[in-house]
Each structure stands twice: as C-alpha cells, then as structure tokens.
Amino acid sequence: MASKTWKVRPVDGFILEVLSKKGAMTDSDLFDAVNEEFNDVGLADFNRLLMNLEIEGRIYVSTLTKGKRRVELKAQKQ
C-alpha cells in the first residue's frame, strides 16, 4: 500500500516562484513546469490555483489566442 507524503512547499508558492524566475509564461508551459514538480496536480486543480492567485491579486492572466493564456506576476507595490 503506497502512502502519499506532503510536499514541503505548496503548489501556489511554486507557481509564484517559477513566474518570478522565468517571467511571463503561457499557461501550458507553466502547467508543464508544475506537473514536473507535482505530478498529482490535474488541469482542473491548476486552473483553480490560477483563479485563486488572480483573485488574491498576485498574478494576472490574459488571453493570447483561443485556448492559450498568458500568466504573469503582478508588480509588487513598495
């Protein structure tokens, strides 16, 4: 019987970390990066995470073409 272990960092923190290092990305590239680190995150979970981060005001998601989105980190106010 396989047991699941908790990840040290949350997925939303990883998303913010990737965006801060690489800059703006397409949603498919970001999903691939998340899926390499957290292979149990599905597309529905990923979209929910993006929506929550956008509601919190941490990222900005815009439409590029049909079925493709651009995800970027919002500038931090100082």
N, C-alpha and C. Protein backbone atom coordinates (compact mmCIF):
# COMPACT_ATOMS: atom_id res chain seq x y z
N MET A 1 0.85 -1.18 0.00
CA MET A 1 0.00 0.00 0.00
C MET A 1 0.89 1.24 0.00
N ALA A 2 0.75 2.04 -1.01
CA ALA A 2 1.56 3.25 -1.13
C ALA A 2 0.95 4.37 -0.31
N SER A 3 1.78 5.09 0.37
CA SER A 3 1.29 6.23 1.15
C SER A 3 1.77 7.52 0.51
N LYS A 4 0.92 8.52 0.53
CA LYS A 4 1.28 9.81 -0.03
C LYS A 4 1.94 10.65 1.05
N THR A 5 2.92 11.41 0.65
CA THR A 5 3.58 12.30 1.59
C THR A 5 3.27 13.73 1.23
N TRP A 6 3.35 14.60 2.21
CA TRP A 6 3.09 16.01 2.00
C TRP A 6 4.29 16.66 1.35
N LYS A 7 4.03 17.55 0.41
CA LYS A 7 5.11 18.32 -0.19
C LYS A 7 5.52 19.42 0.77
N VAL A 8 6.78 19.79 0.72
CA VAL A 8 7.31 20.80 1.63
C VAL A 8 6.74 22.18 1.31
N ARG A 9 6.57 22.49 0.03
CA ARG A 9 6.05 23.79 -0.36
C ARG A 9 4.72 23.61 -1.09
N PRO A 10 3.84 24.57 -0.94
CA PRO A 10 2.54 24.47 -1.64
C PRO A 10 2.69 24.76 -3.13
N VAL A 11 1.72 24.30 -3.89
CA VAL A 11 1.77 24.45 -5.34
C VAL A 11 1.70 25.92 -5.73
N ASP A 12 0.84 26.70 -5.06
CA ASP A 12 0.73 28.11 -5.43
C ASP A 12 2.03 28.87 -5.18
N GLY A 13 2.76 28.50 -4.15
CA GLY A 13 4.06 29.10 -3.91
C GLY A 13 5.06 28.74 -5.00
N PHE A 14 4.97 27.51 -5.48
CA PHE A 14 5.84 27.08 -6.57
C PHE A 14 5.52 27.84 -7.86
N ILE A 15 4.24 28.07 -8.14
CA ILE A 15 3.83 28.84 -9.31
C ILE A 15 4.41 30.24 -9.26
N LEU A 16 4.30 30.89 -8.10
CA LEU A 16 4.84 32.24 -7.94
C LEU A 16 6.36 32.25 -8.10
N GLU A 17 7.01 31.21 -7.60
CA GLU A 17 8.46 31.11 -7.71
C GLU A 17 8.90 30.96 -9.17
N VAL A 18 8.21 30.11 -9.93
CA VAL A 18 8.54 29.91 -11.34
C VAL A 18 8.33 31.20 -12.12
N LEU A 19 7.21 31.90 -11.86
CA LEU A 19 6.94 33.14 -12.57
C LEU A 19 7.94 34.23 -12.23
N SER A 20 8.41 34.26 -11.00
CA SER A 20 9.39 35.28 -10.63
C SER A 20 10.75 35.00 -11.28
N LYS A 21 11.08 33.73 -11.49
CA LYS A 21 12.36 33.38 -12.11
C LYS A 21 12.32 33.52 -13.63
N LYS A 22 11.25 33.04 -14.25
CA LYS A 22 11.19 32.99 -15.71
C LYS A 22 10.40 34.11 -16.36
N GLY A 23 9.64 34.86 -15.59
CA GLY A 23 8.82 35.93 -16.15
C GLY A 23 7.50 35.37 -16.65
N ALA A 24 6.84 36.14 -17.51
CA ALA A 24 5.53 35.74 -18.03
C ALA A 24 5.66 34.47 -18.88
N MET A 25 4.66 33.59 -18.75
CA MET A 25 4.67 32.32 -19.46
C MET A 25 3.28 32.02 -19.97
N THR A 26 3.19 31.09 -20.92
CA THR A 26 1.87 30.60 -21.32
C THR A 26 1.39 29.61 -20.27
N ASP A 27 0.08 29.42 -20.22
CA ASP A 27 -0.46 28.52 -19.21
C ASP A 27 -0.01 27.08 -19.44
N SER A 28 0.19 26.67 -20.69
CA SER A 28 0.62 25.30 -20.95
C SER A 28 2.06 25.07 -20.49
N ASP A 29 2.94 26.05 -20.70
CA ASP A 29 4.32 25.93 -20.22
C ASP A 29 4.37 25.91 -18.69
N LEU A 30 3.57 26.74 -18.07
CA LEU A 30 3.52 26.77 -16.61
C LEU A 30 2.96 25.47 -16.06
N PHE A 31 1.93 24.93 -16.73
CA PHE A 31 1.35 23.66 -16.30
C PHE A 31 2.37 22.54 -16.40
N ASP A 32 3.18 22.54 -17.47
CA ASP A 32 4.23 21.53 -17.62
C ASP A 32 5.25 21.62 -16.49
N ALA A 33 5.63 22.86 -16.12
CA ALA A 33 6.59 23.05 -15.03
C ALA A 33 6.01 22.57 -13.70
N VAL A 34 4.73 22.87 -13.47
CA VAL A 34 4.08 22.42 -12.24
C VAL A 34 3.95 20.91 -12.23
N ASN A 35 3.61 20.33 -13.38
CA ASN A 35 3.42 18.89 -13.47
C ASN A 35 4.72 18.11 -13.28
N GLU A 36 5.87 18.71 -13.63
CA GLU A 36 7.15 18.06 -13.38
C GLU A 36 7.44 17.96 -11.88
N GLU A 37 7.07 19.01 -11.15
CA GLU A 37 7.33 19.04 -9.70
C GLU A 37 6.24 18.33 -8.91
N PHE A 38 5.00 18.55 -9.27
CA PHE A 38 3.85 17.98 -8.58
C PHE A 38 3.05 17.17 -9.61
N ASN A 39 3.34 15.90 -9.75
CA ASN A 39 2.71 15.11 -10.80
C ASN A 39 1.26 14.72 -10.49
N ASP A 40 0.77 15.05 -9.31
CA ASP A 40 -0.61 14.72 -8.97
C ASP A 40 -1.57 15.91 -9.16
N VAL A 41 -1.11 17.00 -9.74
CA VAL A 41 -1.94 18.18 -9.99
C VAL A 41 -2.51 18.06 -11.40
N GLY A 42 -3.84 18.02 -11.48
CA GLY A 42 -4.50 17.94 -12.78
C GLY A 42 -4.80 19.32 -13.33
N LEU A 43 -5.36 19.34 -14.53
CA LEU A 43 -5.64 20.61 -15.20
C LEU A 43 -6.72 21.41 -14.45
N ALA A 44 -7.72 20.73 -13.92
CA ALA A 44 -8.77 21.43 -13.16
C ALA A 44 -8.20 22.07 -11.89
N ASP A 45 -7.34 21.35 -11.20
CA ASP A 45 -6.69 21.89 -10.00
C ASP A 45 -5.79 23.07 -10.36
N PHE A 46 -5.08 22.95 -11.47
CA PHE A 46 -4.19 24.02 -11.92
C PHE A 46 -4.98 25.29 -12.24
N ASN A 47 -6.09 25.14 -12.95
CA ASN A 47 -6.93 26.29 -13.27
C ASN A 47 -7.51 26.93 -12.02
N ARG A 48 -7.87 26.11 -11.04
CA ARG A 48 -8.39 26.63 -9.77
C ARG A 48 -7.31 27.41 -9.02
N LEU A 49 -6.08 26.91 -9.06
CA LEU A 49 -4.96 27.62 -8.42
C LEU A 49 -4.72 28.97 -9.10
N LEU A 50 -4.74 28.98 -10.44
CA LEU A 50 -4.55 30.24 -11.16
C LEU A 50 -5.65 31.23 -10.82
N MET A 51 -6.89 30.76 -10.75
CA MET A 51 -8.01 31.64 -10.44
C MET A 51 -7.86 32.22 -9.04
N ASN A 52 -7.48 31.39 -8.07
CA ASN A 52 -7.30 31.87 -6.70
C ASN A 52 -6.16 32.89 -6.60
N LEU A 53 -5.07 32.64 -7.30
CA LEU A 53 -3.95 33.58 -7.28
C LEU A 53 -4.32 34.90 -7.95
N GLU A 54 -5.16 34.83 -8.99
CA GLU A 54 -5.59 36.06 -9.66
C GLU A 54 -6.56 36.83 -8.77
N ILE A 55 -7.44 36.14 -8.08
CA ILE A 55 -8.38 36.80 -7.16
C ILE A 55 -7.62 37.47 -6.03
N GLU A 56 -6.56 36.82 -5.54
CA GLU A 56 -5.74 37.39 -4.47
C GLU A 56 -4.91 38.58 -4.95
N GLY A 57 -4.83 38.78 -6.26
CA GLY A 57 -4.08 39.90 -6.80
C GLY A 57 -2.60 39.64 -6.95
N ARG A 58 -2.19 38.38 -7.00
CA ARG A 58 -0.78 38.05 -7.10
C ARG A 58 -0.32 37.84 -8.54
N ILE A 59 -1.23 37.39 -9.41
CA ILE A 59 -0.88 37.18 -10.82
C ILE A 59 -1.94 37.83 -11.70
N TYR A 60 -1.61 37.93 -12.99
CA TYR A 60 -2.54 38.45 -13.99
C TYR A 60 -2.58 37.45 -15.13
N VAL A 61 -3.79 37.02 -15.50
CA VAL A 61 -3.97 36.06 -16.58
C VAL A 61 -4.72 36.75 -17.71
N SER A 62 -4.15 36.71 -18.91
CA SER A 62 -4.81 37.32 -20.07
C SER A 62 -4.87 36.30 -21.21
N THR A 63 -5.78 36.51 -22.13
CA THR A 63 -5.95 35.60 -23.26
C THR A 63 -5.04 36.01 -24.40
N LEU A 64 -4.29 35.05 -24.92
CA LEU A 64 -3.44 35.28 -26.09
C LEU A 64 -4.21 34.93 -27.36
N THR A 65 -4.56 33.68 -27.49
CA THR A 65 -5.38 33.19 -28.60
C THR A 65 -6.40 32.22 -28.00
N LYS A 66 -7.23 31.68 -28.85
CA LYS A 66 -8.23 30.73 -28.36
C LYS A 66 -7.52 29.52 -27.75
N GLY A 67 -7.79 29.27 -26.49
CA GLY A 67 -7.20 28.14 -25.80
C GLY A 67 -5.81 28.37 -25.24
N LYS A 68 -5.29 29.58 -25.33
CA LYS A 68 -3.95 29.87 -24.82
C LYS A 68 -4.00 31.15 -23.99
N ARG A 69 -3.41 31.08 -22.80
CA ARG A 69 -3.41 32.23 -21.90
C ARG A 69 -1.98 32.60 -21.51
N ARG A 70 -1.79 33.87 -21.18
CA ARG A 70 -0.51 34.37 -20.69
C ARG A 70 -0.66 34.61 -19.20
N VAL A 71 0.27 34.09 -18.42
CA VAL A 71 0.25 34.23 -16.96
C VAL A 71 1.48 35.03 -16.58
N GLU A 72 1.27 36.11 -15.83
CA GLU A 72 2.40 36.93 -15.40
C GLU A 72 2.22 37.34 -13.95
N LEU A 73 3.32 37.58 -13.32
CA LEU A 73 3.35 38.01 -11.93
C LEU A 73 3.05 39.49 -11.87
N LYS A 74 2.17 39.90 -10.96
CA LYS A 74 1.88 41.32 -10.81
C LYS A 74 3.04 42.00 -10.09
N ALA A 75 3.27 43.24 -10.42
CA ALA A 75 4.34 44.01 -9.78
C ALA A 75 3.98 44.25 -8.32
N GLN A 76 4.95 44.07 -7.45
CA GLN A 76 4.74 44.30 -6.02
C GLN A 76 4.84 45.76 -5.70
N LYS A 77 3.89 46.28 -4.94
CA LYS A 77 3.94 47.68 -4.51
C LYS A 77 4.94 47.81 -3.38
N GLN A 78 5.71 48.88 -3.43
CA GLN A 78 6.73 49.08 -2.40
C GLN A 78 6.41 50.21 -1.51
